[in-house]
Protein backbone atom coordinates (compact mmCIF):
# COMPACT_ATOMS: atom_id res chain seq x y z
CA UNK A 1 4.22 21.15 -11.23
CA UNK A 2 2.11 18.35 -9.76
CA UNK A 3 -0.51 16.90 -12.11
CA UNK A 4 -2.99 16.14 -9.31
CA UNK A 5 -2.96 18.14 -6.09
CA UNK A 6 -4.99 17.88 -2.89
CA UNK A 7 -4.64 20.98 -0.74
CA UNK A 8 -5.77 20.63 2.88
CA UNK A 9 -8.67 18.39 1.85
CA UNK A 10 -11.08 17.49 4.68
CA UNK A 11 -14.37 15.64 4.81
CA UNK A 12 -16.89 15.91 7.63
CA UNK A 13 -20.20 14.14 8.12
CA UNK A 14 -21.77 16.39 10.72
CA UNK A 15 -19.25 16.51 13.56
CA UNK A 16 -17.48 13.35 12.38
CA UNK A 17 -14.18 14.03 10.63
CA UNK A 18 -13.45 11.29 8.09
CA UNK A 19 -10.50 12.93 6.31
CA UNK A 20 -8.46 15.71 7.94
CA UNK A 21 -6.27 18.30 6.18
CA UNK A 22 -4.85 15.95 3.56
CA UNK A 23 -2.07 17.38 1.39
CA UNK A 24 -1.01 15.21 -1.53
CA UNK A 25 0.70 15.86 -4.86
CA UNK A 26 0.82 13.27 -7.64
CA UNK A 27 3.02 13.63 -10.71
CA UNK A 28 1.84 12.76 -14.18
CA UNK A 29 2.20 9.04 -14.85
CA UNK A 30 2.77 8.21 -11.18
CA UNK A 31 1.14 5.23 -9.44
CA UNK A 32 0.16 6.14 -5.86
CA UNK A 33 -1.63 3.85 -3.40
CA UNK A 34 -3.75 4.93 -0.45
CA UNK A 35 -3.13 2.25 2.18
CA UNK A 36 -4.77 1.77 5.54
CA UNK A 37 -7.26 -0.24 7.59
CA UNK A 38 -11.03 -0.01 7.19
CA UNK A 39 -12.39 3.36 8.25
CA UNK A 40 -9.12 5.28 7.81
CA UNK A 41 -10.53 7.61 5.11
CA UNK A 42 -8.82 6.21 2.01
CA UNK A 43 -12.00 5.41 0.05
CA UNK A 44 -13.55 8.75 1.01
CA UNK A 45 -10.42 10.45 -0.33
CA UNK A 46 -10.81 8.60 -3.64
CA UNK A 47 -14.49 9.58 -3.78
CA UNK A 48 -13.62 13.25 -3.27
CA UNK A 49 -11.13 13.06 -6.16
CA UNK A 50 -13.82 11.42 -8.30
CA UNK A 51 -16.48 13.92 -7.24
CA UNK A 52 -18.75 11.34 -5.61
CA UNK A 53 -18.24 12.93 -2.17
CA UNK A 54 -18.27 16.66 -1.55
CA UNK A 55 -15.14 18.29 -0.14
CA UNK A 56 -15.92 20.00 3.18
CA UNK A 57 -12.71 22.05 3.20
CA UNK A 58 -9.73 22.34 0.87
CA UNK A 59 -9.31 22.01 -2.90
CA UNK A 60 -8.67 19.36 -5.53
CA UNK A 61 -6.70 20.47 -8.60
CA UNK A 62 -6.13 18.54 -11.82
CA UNK A 63 -3.50 19.79 -14.26
CA UNK A 64 -3.74 23.26 -12.75
CA UNK A 65 -7.56 23.36 -12.85
CA UNK A 66 -9.67 23.52 -9.69
CA UNK A 67 -12.16 20.62 -9.90
CA UNK A 68 -13.27 20.70 -6.27
CA UNK A 69 -16.90 21.50 -7.17
CA UNK A 70 -16.96 19.99 -10.67
CA UNK A 71 -19.54 17.27 -11.33
CA UNK A 72 -18.16 13.73 -11.62
CA UNK A 73 -19.11 13.37 -15.30
CA UNK A 74 -17.17 16.52 -16.22
CA UNK A 75 -13.88 15.40 -14.64
CA UNK A 76 -13.20 12.72 -17.26
CA UNK A 77 -11.63 10.33 -14.76
CA UNK A 78 -11.46 6.58 -15.25
CA UNK A 79 -12.80 4.55 -12.32
CA UNK A 80 -12.64 0.84 -11.50
CA UNK A 81 -14.95 -0.10 -8.64
CA UNK A 82 -14.47 -2.94 -6.19
CA UNK A 83 -17.50 -4.74 -7.66
CA UNK A 84 -16.39 -3.91 -11.27
CA UNK A 85 -19.95 -2.60 -11.96
CA UNK A 86 -20.21 -4.29 -15.36
CA UNK A 87 -23.53 -4.30 -17.20
CA UNK A 88 -24.64 -7.96 -17.20
CA UNK A 89 -26.86 -7.58 -20.29
CA UNK A 90 -24.04 -6.13 -22.41
CA UNK A 91 -21.21 -7.95 -24.15
CA UNK A 92 -17.63 -7.30 -23.17
CA UNK A 93 -17.18 -5.00 -26.18
CA UNK A 94 -20.34 -3.05 -25.36
CA UNK A 95 -19.29 -2.68 -21.73
CA UNK A 96 -15.90 -1.32 -22.73
CA UNK A 97 -17.39 1.00 -25.35
CA UNK A 98 -20.16 2.37 -23.14
CA UNK A 99 -18.20 5.43 -22.00
CA UNK A 100 -17.23 6.26 -25.56
CA UNK A 101 -20.84 5.94 -26.68
CA UNK A 102 -21.96 8.35 -23.94
CA UNK A 103 -19.32 10.77 -25.24
CA UNK A 104 -20.83 10.44 -28.74
CA UNK A 105 -17.70 8.97 -30.27
CA UNK A 106 -18.41 7.73 -33.80
CA UNK A 107 -19.03 4.03 -34.36
CA UNK A 108 -15.88 3.31 -36.38
CA UNK A 109 -13.66 5.22 -33.95
CA UNK A 110 -15.39 3.56 -31.01
CA UNK A 111 -14.87 0.08 -32.45
CA UNK A 112 -11.20 0.79 -33.09
CA UNK A 113 -10.56 2.05 -29.57
CA UNK A 114 -12.51 -0.81 -27.97
CA UNK A 115 -10.48 -3.33 -29.96
CA UNK A 116 -7.22 -1.69 -28.85
CA UNK A 117 -8.33 -1.52 -25.22
CA UNK A 118 -9.31 -5.19 -25.15
CA UNK A 119 -6.03 -6.20 -26.79
CA UNK A 120 -4.19 -4.26 -24.09
CA UNK A 121 -5.74 -6.47 -21.39
CA UNK A 122 -5.53 -9.62 -23.56
CA UNK A 123 -9.28 -10.02 -23.94
CA UNK A 124 -9.71 -9.27 -27.64
CA UNK A 125 -10.87 -12.85 -28.20
CA UNK A 126 -13.67 -12.40 -25.65
CA UNK A 127 -15.33 -9.30 -27.10
CA UNK A 128 -18.70 -11.00 -27.72
CA UNK A 129 -18.95 -12.78 -24.38
CA UNK A 130 -21.03 -11.58 -21.44
CA UNK A 131 -19.66 -10.87 -17.94
CA UNK A 132 -21.28 -14.03 -16.56
CA UNK A 133 -19.18 -16.08 -18.97
CA UNK A 134 -15.90 -14.68 -17.65
CA UNK A 135 -13.68 -15.52 -14.69
CA UNK A 136 -13.11 -13.03 -11.88
CA UNK A 137 -9.76 -11.98 -13.30
CA UNK A 138 -11.25 -11.49 -16.76
CA UNK A 139 -14.07 -9.33 -15.38
CA UNK A 140 -11.50 -7.25 -13.55
CA UNK A 141 -9.63 -6.69 -16.81
CA UNK A 142 -12.85 -5.71 -18.60
CA UNK A 143 -13.48 -3.08 -15.92
CA UNK A 144 -9.92 -1.82 -16.31
CA UNK A 145 -10.25 -1.72 -20.09
CA UNK A 146 -13.51 0.23 -19.83
CA UNK A 147 -11.83 2.79 -17.59
CA UNK A 148 -8.79 3.19 -19.85
CA UNK A 149 -10.57 3.34 -23.21
CA UNK A 150 -11.70 6.92 -22.60
CA UNK A 151 -8.03 7.98 -22.16
CA UNK A 152 -8.61 9.46 -18.70
CA UNK A 153 -6.13 11.93 -17.19
CA UNK A 154 -6.32 9.97 -13.92
CA UNK A 155 -7.29 6.35 -13.23
CA UNK A 156 -8.94 5.68 -9.87
CA UNK A 157 -8.94 2.11 -8.52
CA UNK A 158 -11.08 1.22 -5.51
CA UNK A 159 -9.84 -2.11 -4.07
CA UNK A 160 -9.76 -3.50 -7.64
CA UNK A 161 -8.32 -6.91 -6.73
CA UNK A 162 -10.13 -7.65 -3.48
CA UNK A 163 -12.64 -10.07 -5.04
CA UNK A 164 -9.97 -12.35 -6.50
CA UNK A 165 -8.44 -15.45 -4.93
CA UNK A 166 -4.92 -15.19 -3.55
CA UNK A 167 -2.99 -16.60 -6.54
CA UNK A 168 -4.97 -14.67 -9.15
CA UNK A 169 -4.71 -11.52 -7.07
CA UNK A 170 -0.93 -11.74 -7.06
CA UNK A 171 -0.85 -12.34 -10.83
CA UNK A 172 -3.16 -9.40 -11.47
CA UNK A 173 -1.04 -7.06 -9.34
CA UNK A 174 1.80 -7.31 -11.82
CA UNK A 175 -0.54 -7.32 -14.80
CA UNK A 176 -2.13 -4.11 -13.54
CA UNK A 177 1.24 -2.44 -13.05
CA UNK A 178 2.46 -3.52 -16.50
CA UNK A 179 -0.65 -2.09 -18.14
CA UNK A 180 -0.36 1.16 -16.20
CA UNK A 181 3.28 1.57 -17.19
CA UNK A 182 2.47 0.83 -20.83
CA UNK A 183 -0.35 3.37 -20.95
CA UNK A 184 1.31 5.91 -18.64
CA UNK A 185 -1.92 6.96 -16.95
CA UNK A 186 -1.65 8.70 -13.58
CA UNK A 187 -3.17 6.21 -11.13
CA UNK A 188 -4.52 6.36 -7.58
CA UNK A 189 -5.38 3.03 -5.95
CA UNK A 190 -7.13 2.34 -2.66
CA UNK A 191 -6.11 -0.86 -0.90
CA UNK A 192 -5.81 -2.38 2.57
CA UNK A 193 -3.30 -4.97 1.33
CA UNK A 194 0.24 -3.98 2.29
CA UNK A 195 1.96 -6.37 -0.12
CA UNK A 196 -0.19 -5.09 -2.96
CA UNK A 197 0.62 -1.44 -2.24
CA UNK A 198 4.35 -2.04 -1.77
CA UNK A 199 4.81 -4.20 -4.86
CA UNK A 200 3.25 -2.01 -7.56
CA UNK A 201 3.28 1.60 -6.32
CA UNK A 202 5.70 4.43 -6.96
CA UNK A 203 4.64 5.94 -3.63
CA UNK A 204 2.40 4.85 -0.78
CA UNK A 205 0.20 7.03 1.42
CA UNK A 206 -0.45 5.33 4.77
CA UNK A 207 -3.65 6.66 6.32
CA UNK A 208 -4.75 6.37 9.93
CA UNK A 209 -7.83 7.98 11.45
CA UNK A 210 -8.37 10.21 8.46
CA UNK A 211 -4.80 11.51 8.27
CA UNK A 212 -1.82 10.74 6.05
CA UNK A 213 0.69 9.34 8.56
CA UNK A 214 3.52 8.85 6.07
CA UNK A 215 3.90 9.42 2.32
CA UNK A 216 6.92 7.69 0.87
CA UNK A 217 8.41 5.29 -1.65
CA UNK A 218 7.58 1.65 -0.78
CA UNK A 219 11.16 0.73 0.08
CA UNK A 220 11.64 3.72 2.38
CA UNK A 221 8.21 3.19 3.92
CA UNK A 222 9.16 -0.37 4.85
CA UNK A 223 12.73 0.32 5.93
CA UNK A 224 12.12 3.61 7.72
CA UNK A 225 8.63 3.68 9.26
CA UNK A 226 7.91 6.91 11.09
CA UNK A 227 5.46 5.51 13.66
CA UNK A 228 4.68 2.31 15.52
CA UNK A 229 1.45 1.99 13.54
CA UNK A 230 3.30 2.01 10.22
CA UNK A 231 5.96 -0.42 11.43
CA UNK A 232 3.22 -2.89 12.40
CA UNK A 233 0.83 -2.26 9.50
CA UNK A 234 3.41 -2.28 6.71
CA UNK A 235 4.83 -5.76 7.21
CA UNK A 236 5.65 -7.59 10.45
CA UNK A 237 8.05 -6.29 13.05
CA UNK A 238 9.45 -6.93 16.52
CA UNK A 239 9.16 -3.88 18.78
CA UNK A 240 11.28 -3.48 21.90
CA UNK A 241 10.58 -0.58 24.25
CA UNK A 242 13.64 1.28 25.51
CA UNK A 243 15.13 4.51 26.83
CA UNK A 244 17.74 6.76 25.29
CA UNK A 245 20.52 6.57 27.87
CA UNK A 246 23.27 8.62 26.23
CA UNK A 247 23.99 10.83 23.23
CA UNK A 248 27.49 11.02 21.77
CA UNK A 249 27.72 13.03 18.58
CA UNK A 250 25.64 11.41 15.88
CA UNK A 251 25.08 8.20 17.88
CA UNK A 252 22.76 7.30 20.72
CA UNK A 253 22.53 4.36 23.10
CA UNK A 254 19.07 2.87 23.59
CA UNK A 255 18.67 0.47 26.51
CA UNK A 256 15.97 -2.20 26.28
CA UNK A 257 15.38 -5.26 28.45
CA UNK A 258 18.75 -6.95 28.53
CA UNK A 259 19.99 -5.27 25.33
CA UNK A 260 21.71 -2.02 24.38
CA UNK A 261 21.47 -0.68 20.83
CA UNK A 262 23.75 1.84 19.16
CA UNK A 263 21.54 3.93 16.82
CA UNK A 264 21.65 7.28 14.98
CA UNK A 265 20.93 10.14 17.37
CA UNK A 266 18.97 12.34 14.94
CA UNK A 267 15.71 13.48 16.55
CA UNK A 268 16.52 11.86 19.90
CA UNK A 269 17.29 13.28 23.33
CA UNK A 270 18.60 11.63 26.48
CA UNK A 271 15.70 10.25 28.50
CA UNK A 272 13.39 9.76 25.50
CA UNK A 273 11.20 6.67 25.58
CA UNK A 274 11.51 5.02 22.16
CA UNK A 275 10.99 1.68 20.43
CA UNK A 276 13.45 -0.47 18.55
CA UNK A 277 12.07 -2.13 15.43
CA UNK A 278 13.59 -5.36 14.08
CA UNK A 279 12.00 -6.88 10.98
CA UNK A 280 11.63 -10.69 11.27
CA UNK A 281 13.48 -11.40 8.01
CA UNK A 282 16.44 -9.30 9.18
CA UNK A 283 17.03 -11.61 12.16
CA UNK A 284 19.10 -14.78 11.97
CA UNK A 285 18.94 -18.01 13.95
CA UNK A 286 22.33 -18.91 15.39
CA UNK A 287 23.64 -21.78 17.47
CA UNK A 288 23.12 -21.33 21.20
CA UNK A 289 25.86 -19.19 22.72
CA UNK A 290 26.98 -17.60 19.42
CA UNK A 291 24.48 -14.77 18.92
CA UNK A 292 23.32 -11.56 20.56
CA UNK A 293 20.13 -12.78 22.25
CA UNK A 294 19.53 -16.31 23.60
CA UNK A 295 16.10 -17.87 23.35
CA UNK A 296 14.00 -20.98 22.91
CA UNK A 297 11.91 -22.01 19.91
CA UNK A 298 8.27 -21.69 21.02
CA UNK A 299 6.50 -22.22 17.69
CA UNK A 300 7.39 -22.77 14.06
CA UNK A 301 5.36 -22.42 10.85
CA UNK A 302 6.21 -23.75 7.40
CA UNK A 303 5.45 -21.16 4.69
CA UNK A 304 6.85 -22.99 1.69
CA UNK A 305 9.73 -20.73 0.71
CA UNK A 306 10.28 -19.71 4.35
CA UNK A 307 10.12 -20.86 7.95
CA UNK A 308 8.61 -18.52 10.52
CA UNK A 309 9.60 -19.01 14.16
CA UNK A 310 8.39 -17.53 17.41
CA UNK A 311 11.28 -17.38 19.86
CA UNK A 312 10.92 -16.79 23.60
CA UNK A 313 13.68 -14.48 24.85
CA UNK A 314 14.42 -12.27 27.83
CA UNK A 315 13.26 -9.34 25.68
CA UNK A 316 9.93 -11.03 24.96
CA UNK A 317 8.63 -13.25 22.18
CA UNK A 318 10.36 -12.51 18.86
CA UNK A 319 9.27 -13.44 15.33
CA UNK A 320 11.98 -14.65 12.97
CA UNK A 321 11.57 -15.49 9.28
CA UNK A 322 14.32 -17.48 7.54
CA UNK A 323 14.58 -18.82 3.97
CA UNK A 324 13.80 -22.47 3.40
CA UNK A 325 17.16 -23.74 2.16
CA UNK A 326 16.18 -27.39 2.41
CA UNK A 327 17.91 -27.96 5.75
CA UNK A 328 16.02 -29.46 8.68
CA UNK A 329 14.23 -26.78 10.73
CA UNK A 330 14.94 -26.01 14.37
CA UNK A 331 12.76 -28.07 16.70
CA UNK A 332 10.22 -26.61 19.09
CA UNK A 333 11.80 -26.27 22.53
CA UNK A 334 15.38 -26.18 21.24
CA UNK A 335 17.77 -23.46 22.45
CA UNK A 336 18.85 -20.93 19.82
CA UNK A 337 20.39 -17.48 19.65
CA UNK A 338 19.17 -14.53 17.62
CA UNK A 339 21.63 -12.40 15.73
CA UNK A 340 21.43 -9.43 13.38
CA UNK A 341 23.54 -6.82 11.64
CA UNK A 342 23.69 -3.45 13.41
CA UNK A 343 22.53 -1.61 10.27
CA UNK A 344 19.10 -3.33 10.26
CA UNK A 345 18.13 -1.81 13.64
CA UNK A 346 15.49 0.92 13.33
CA UNK A 347 14.50 3.29 16.13
CA UNK A 348 11.00 4.78 16.11
CA UNK A 349 11.03 8.41 17.23
CA UNK A 350 9.25 9.45 20.43
CA UNK A 351 5.59 10.30 19.91
CA UNK A 352 6.25 13.96 20.69
CA UNK A 353 8.96 14.04 18.02
CA UNK A 354 7.16 11.97 15.35
CA UNK A 355 6.06 13.85 12.26
CA UNK A 356 3.31 13.27 9.76
CA UNK A 357 4.02 13.53 6.06
């Protein structure tokens, strides 16, 4: 039985539908991310779970209990806001212990739990400092500690890392996941950062225009996107429009500009207009005349551990990402071929056949 369940949850502001018929089940201890661009409904969904936004239609259940109309302070959920919402006049220890104090937990018990919570986030030596004396990453950990100290059944994270610089953000992603795994708290995180969602989540919910477009494990989400939007939003991709020319058993032939692809036929019919998706890192640069698709290097970008190329081909401009192995890069204007393994080709189903999770 799912620990947290959203059944056909919708949110309207007048005639404006912000979230539409969202079904989602989350198991106990699972880490699920709501991923999507601004305005897709992910934060509103989190607010409905927290009780900060009323549910227009549908129900929210927690451990078998209907909490759809329950007040936020009766749900017992832990919440980390984008701004952290720390009290500037309180010490770190007092900030972390505030929720326990409101729950009338005794002083000795409160002190013990605060000490344990701060040790969990490696801030036990900063208990008497004030938020203004901490770095961004430290303030983020204080907010996380404050949310976890009350032992919530569900932890809600609203863009918790968005205020951090790039390097610290990456470090905190793994720190956050390690803490969540150690504590075992069921966690729902809102983010617009694809790398963040893919790297630390058990499952990802991609939202678009208020709807869950695909709900899947990160690896499957990346390798098997169900729509063009997901293929573009979750990582980079090269999309080639084509037509299904023939079906033979479990295989289909898709014809694009100058290229024919042999792909699985499941869900396809002859005459369908589809798109072929090729991830940039799945393509290889080959010597001219030795690959599948000839082209010319139009642009190149050095990314440290990788080189990213834009290659002009008869099928259009293609993005290719290759590891930096120390060898000299291909020069702009030089002829190259693109090559790939047949098993990395993905075909996006026709719009009329595409399904939402």
